[in-house]
Amino acid sequence: MLYRLEGIVIRAMDYGETNKIITLCTQTHGKIGVMVRGAKKVKSRYASLTQPFTYGVFNFFRGGSGLGTLNDAEIYESNHKLREDLVLAAHGSYACELIDRALQDEDTGSFWFEQLLAFLSGMREGKDPEVMIRLFEMKILQAAGYGPELEICAASRNPVEGDALISPRLGGVLSVPFRAADPYAVHVTARALSLLRVFARLDLRRLGNVDVKPETKAELKKAMAALMQEHMGMNLKSKRFLDQLDQYGFDK
């Protein structure tokens, strides 16, 4: 069967001496693998189609639910500027790897496609990649059924105001007087908690330019990392690289 689908390249791997297999996050058919024959040849017209973050329309033949074979494609946005910037490429790779690991083959619905497209577009437009990736992580948690409760204290069941703690183990926020309920809970200021609540309600298509102080970014990163580790437990190479960039001061 011949398919014509909008998609974003989230992963590419060599196959044999001259071919590549790309994984697409598509608008209507979830995650699909497609063989691109001859993509590694020096003069291949398909080489650019296999680059990470490439967004376009892909025409391919596919029998059943197996691997497709590319027939033709049209690039809408190559996103080459993102690949040329170390920090932007690292954030884009992490978002793509999250999608690749969290989205099952054939998961339908356009939500993840739209979120990833908005993420890549936002970085191209100069929006803060650190803020966007925290929002992206929140959407991953919510889609997996682990979205944290950020309004009501997990111990007292009362509304939380001001500084608080995030307890991945209890699945939400703790008032400061109840910190004993989880000694490993992560402290967050009222500003960081307010942003986490915004992330829980918002998706990337509606995120504007947000000015977040470095210390608040650090709080958000620590809280989201704890939540992701507790509930998703994914050891991602792209995440380790992002952490290294942060450690050496590149991700600022």
Protein backbone atom coordinates (compact mmCIF):
# COMPACT_ATOMS: atom_id res chain seq x y z
CA MET A 1 0.00 0.00 0.00
CA LEU A 2 1.24 3.51 -0.83
CA TYR A 3 1.24 6.00 2.05
CA ARG A 4 1.62 9.78 1.88
CA LEU A 5 2.16 11.11 5.40
CA GLU A 6 3.44 14.23 7.10
CA GLY A 7 6.23 13.27 9.43
CA ILE A 8 9.29 14.33 11.41
CA VAL A 9 12.48 12.27 11.44
CA ILE A 10 13.16 11.32 15.07
CA ARG A 11 15.80 8.65 14.47
CA ALA A 12 18.06 7.42 11.67
CA MET A 13 20.33 4.38 11.48
CA ASP A 14 22.59 2.90 8.85
CA TYR A 15 21.42 -0.30 7.16
CA GLY A 16 23.92 -2.08 4.99
CA GLU A 17 26.49 -0.24 2.91
CA THR A 18 24.22 2.28 1.22
CA ASN A 19 20.85 2.38 2.98
CA LYS A 20 19.34 4.03 6.03
CA ILE A 21 16.27 3.37 8.13
CA ILE A 22 14.47 6.42 9.47
CA THR A 23 11.84 6.51 12.19
CA LEU A 24 9.09 9.03 11.58
CA CYS A 25 6.71 10.60 14.06
CA THR A 26 3.72 11.05 11.76
CA GLN A 27 0.64 13.19 12.05
CA THR A 28 -1.88 10.38 11.58
CA HIS A 29 -0.18 6.98 11.93
CA GLY A 30 2.00 7.28 15.02
CA LYS A 31 5.59 6.07 14.75
CA ILE A 32 6.67 4.37 11.50
CA GLY A 33 9.98 3.00 10.23
CA VAL A 34 10.92 3.62 6.60
CA MET A 35 13.83 2.25 4.56
CA VAL A 36 15.60 4.88 2.45
CA ARG A 37 17.59 3.02 -0.18
CA GLY A 38 20.83 4.59 -1.35
CA ALA A 39 20.69 7.36 1.27
CA LYS A 40 24.38 6.88 2.17
CA LYS A 41 25.60 7.33 -1.39
CA VAL A 42 27.56 10.54 -1.95
CA LYS A 43 25.23 11.89 -4.62
CA SER A 44 21.98 10.54 -3.17
CA ARG A 45 19.06 12.96 -3.46
CA TYR A 46 17.58 11.32 -0.37
CA ALA A 47 20.49 11.98 2.00
CA SER A 48 18.94 15.19 3.35
CA LEU A 49 15.66 13.41 4.07
CA THR A 50 17.32 11.20 6.68
CA GLN A 51 18.64 14.01 8.89
CA PRO A 52 17.17 14.34 12.41
CA PHE A 53 14.41 16.96 12.85
CA THR A 54 13.56 16.98 9.12
CA TYR A 55 9.87 17.74 8.62
CA GLY A 56 8.07 16.96 5.40
CA VAL A 57 5.74 14.70 3.45
CA PHE A 58 6.98 11.14 2.95
CA ASN A 59 5.64 8.82 0.25
CA PHE A 60 6.42 5.15 0.85
CA PHE A 61 5.23 1.63 0.10
CA ARG A 62 4.37 -0.57 3.04
CA GLY A 63 2.93 -4.04 3.26
CA GLY A 64 1.06 -4.81 6.50
CA SER A 65 2.61 -3.33 9.62
CA GLY A 66 6.27 -3.82 8.69
CA LEU A 67 8.97 -1.47 7.49
CA GLY A 68 8.08 0.91 4.68
CA THR A 69 10.24 1.70 1.63
CA LEU A 70 10.58 5.33 0.62
CA ASN A 71 9.35 6.26 -2.82
CA ASP A 72 9.65 10.04 -2.67
CA ALA A 73 9.45 12.93 -0.23
CA GLU A 74 9.11 16.69 0.00
CA ILE A 75 10.88 18.63 2.73
CA TYR A 76 8.84 21.37 4.39
CA GLU A 77 11.51 22.35 6.94
CA SER A 78 14.99 20.83 7.18
CA ASN A 79 15.75 22.44 10.58
CA HIS A 80 19.43 22.40 9.62
CA LYS A 81 20.14 25.40 11.88
CA LEU A 82 19.07 23.33 14.89
CA ARG A 83 21.52 20.57 13.97
CA GLU A 84 24.35 23.12 13.62
CA ASP A 85 23.89 24.49 17.17
CA LEU A 86 25.22 22.16 19.88
CA VAL A 87 22.72 23.16 22.56
CA LEU A 88 19.68 23.21 20.27
CA ALA A 89 20.68 19.89 18.69
CA ALA A 90 21.04 18.34 22.15
CA HIS A 91 17.58 19.50 23.23
CA GLY A 92 16.05 18.38 19.94
CA SER A 93 17.68 14.96 20.23
CA TYR A 94 16.34 14.54 23.76
CA ALA A 95 12.80 15.45 22.68
CA CYS A 96 13.00 13.02 19.75
CA GLU A 97 14.37 10.22 21.93
CA LEU A 98 11.59 10.78 24.46
CA ILE A 99 9.02 10.48 21.67
CA ASP A 100 10.76 7.40 20.29
CA ARG A 101 10.75 5.64 23.66
CA ALA A 102 7.34 6.78 24.88
CA LEU A 103 5.31 6.44 21.67
CA GLN A 104 4.42 2.91 20.64
CA ASP A 105 4.37 1.90 16.97
CA GLU A 106 1.00 2.65 15.42
CA ASP A 107 -0.11 4.92 18.27
CA THR A 108 -2.46 7.21 16.40
CA GLY A 109 -3.48 10.79 16.99
CA SER A 110 -1.74 13.99 16.02
CA PHE A 111 -0.90 15.21 19.55
CA TRP A 112 2.74 14.05 19.67
CA PHE A 113 3.41 15.14 16.13
CA GLU A 114 2.03 18.60 16.91
CA GLN A 115 3.99 18.85 20.18
CA LEU A 116 7.28 17.90 18.54
CA LEU A 117 6.63 20.21 15.60
CA ALA A 118 5.90 23.07 18.02
CA PHE A 119 9.06 22.25 19.99
CA LEU A 120 11.31 22.35 16.93
CA SER A 121 9.59 25.47 15.59
CA GLY A 122 9.93 27.17 18.96
CA MET A 123 13.68 26.56 19.07
CA ARG A 124 14.00 27.87 15.51
CA GLU A 125 12.13 31.02 16.60
CA GLY A 126 14.45 31.59 19.54
CA LYS A 127 12.29 30.39 22.42
CA ASP A 128 14.14 29.08 25.46
CA PRO A 129 14.89 25.37 24.86
CA GLU A 130 15.31 24.70 28.59
CA VAL A 131 11.80 25.92 29.35
CA MET A 132 10.30 24.09 26.39
CA ILE A 133 11.94 20.77 27.26
CA ARG A 134 10.54 20.91 30.81
CA LEU A 135 7.06 21.42 29.35
CA PHE A 136 7.70 18.58 26.91
CA GLU A 137 8.65 16.28 29.80
CA MET A 138 5.44 17.20 31.60
CA LYS A 139 3.39 16.23 28.53
CA ILE A 140 5.24 12.89 28.38
CA LEU A 141 4.40 12.19 32.03
CA GLN A 142 0.76 13.12 31.57
CA ALA A 143 0.37 10.99 28.45
CA ALA A 144 1.87 8.02 30.30
CA GLY A 145 -0.63 8.49 33.14
CA TYR A 146 1.85 9.92 35.65
CA GLY A 147 0.99 13.61 35.56
CA PRO A 148 1.69 14.99 39.06
CA GLU A 149 -1.01 16.49 41.29
CA LEU A 150 0.25 20.04 41.82
CA GLU A 151 -2.64 21.76 43.58
CA ILE A 152 -3.45 19.55 46.59
CA CYS A 153 -0.95 18.34 49.18
CA ALA A 154 -0.42 14.58 48.88
CA ALA A 155 -0.32 14.26 52.70
CA SER A 156 -2.85 16.74 54.08
CA ARG A 157 -5.16 16.92 51.01
CA ASN A 158 -5.29 20.70 51.43
CA PRO A 159 -4.49 23.32 48.75
CA VAL A 160 -0.79 24.24 48.57
CA GLU A 161 0.44 27.81 48.40
CA GLY A 162 3.93 29.29 48.49
CA ASP A 163 7.11 27.24 48.63
CA ALA A 164 6.55 23.49 48.60
CA LEU A 165 8.07 20.12 47.77
CA ILE A 166 7.60 17.79 44.80
CA SER A 167 7.30 14.14 45.80
CA PRO A 168 7.70 11.76 42.83
CA ARG A 169 6.97 8.81 45.12
CA LEU A 170 3.65 10.29 46.25
CA GLY A 171 2.87 11.62 42.79
CA GLY A 172 2.56 15.31 43.51
CA VAL A 173 3.13 18.30 45.74
CA LEU A 174 3.70 18.40 49.50
CA SER A 175 3.25 21.36 51.82
CA VAL A 176 6.48 22.23 53.65
CA PRO A 177 5.12 21.17 57.09
CA PHE A 178 4.58 17.65 55.69
CA ARG A 179 8.10 17.13 54.33
CA ALA A 180 8.48 14.10 56.61
CA ALA A 181 6.00 12.25 54.39
CA ASP A 182 8.79 11.92 51.83
CA PRO A 183 12.37 12.75 52.92
CA TYR A 184 13.48 12.57 49.27
CA ALA A 185 11.00 15.16 48.01
CA VAL A 186 12.47 18.04 45.98
CA HIS A 187 12.08 21.60 47.28
CA VAL A 188 10.59 24.17 44.89
CA THR A 189 9.91 27.85 45.37
CA ALA A 190 6.47 29.33 44.80
CA ARG A 191 7.67 30.64 41.39
CA ALA A 192 8.85 27.20 40.24
CA LEU A 193 5.65 25.54 41.46
CA SER A 194 3.60 28.13 39.61
CA LEU A 195 5.45 27.32 36.37
CA LEU A 196 4.99 23.58 36.89
CA ARG A 197 1.26 24.22 37.20
CA VAL A 198 1.33 26.20 33.96
CA PHE A 199 3.14 23.31 32.27
CA ALA A 200 0.46 20.90 33.46
CA ARG A 201 -2.29 22.98 31.82
CA LEU A 202 -0.47 24.10 28.67
CA ASP A 203 0.85 22.45 25.55
CA LEU A 204 3.76 23.62 23.42
CA ARG A 205 1.57 25.10 20.71
CA ARG A 206 0.39 27.77 23.17
CA LEU A 207 3.70 28.54 24.86
CA GLY A 208 4.91 32.08 24.30
CA ASN A 209 8.25 33.63 25.16
CA VAL A 210 8.82 33.10 28.88
CA ASP A 211 11.66 34.75 30.79
CA VAL A 212 12.75 32.35 33.53
CA LYS A 213 15.63 33.05 35.91
CA PRO A 214 18.54 30.58 35.91
CA GLU A 215 17.86 29.54 39.50
CA THR A 216 14.23 28.78 38.68
CA LYS A 217 15.30 26.77 35.62
CA ALA A 218 17.56 24.75 37.89
CA GLU A 219 14.62 24.03 40.23
CA LEU A 220 12.40 22.98 37.34
CA LYS A 221 15.08 20.70 35.95
CA LYS A 222 15.66 19.00 39.30
CA ALA A 223 11.94 18.49 39.97
CA MET A 224 11.16 17.18 36.49
CA ALA A 225 14.23 14.91 36.50
CA ALA A 226 13.04 13.34 39.75
CA LEU A 227 9.53 12.82 38.35
CA MET A 228 10.82 11.39 35.08
CA GLN A 229 13.19 9.00 36.84
CA GLU A 230 10.52 7.75 39.25
CA HIS A 231 7.79 7.18 36.70
CA MET A 232 9.49 6.67 33.34
CA GLY A 233 12.89 5.27 34.35
CA MET A 234 14.39 5.82 30.90
CA ASN A 235 18.18 5.97 30.68
CA LEU A 236 18.53 8.12 27.58
CA LYS A 237 21.88 8.91 25.94
CA SER A 238 20.59 12.31 24.83
CA LYS A 239 19.64 13.19 28.43
CA ARG A 240 23.11 12.29 29.69
CA PHE A 241 24.64 14.51 27.01
CA LEU A 242 22.36 17.41 28.00
CA ASP A 243 23.42 16.98 31.61
CA GLN A 244 27.08 17.11 30.55
CA LEU A 245 26.47 20.34 28.65
CA ASP A 246 24.86 21.80 31.75
CA GLN A 247 27.73 20.62 33.92
CA TYR A 248 30.30 22.36 31.73
CA GLY A 249 28.27 25.52 31.32
CA PHE A 250 27.23 25.17 27.67
CA ASP A 251 23.51 24.86 28.38
CA LYS A 252 23.04 28.43 29.63
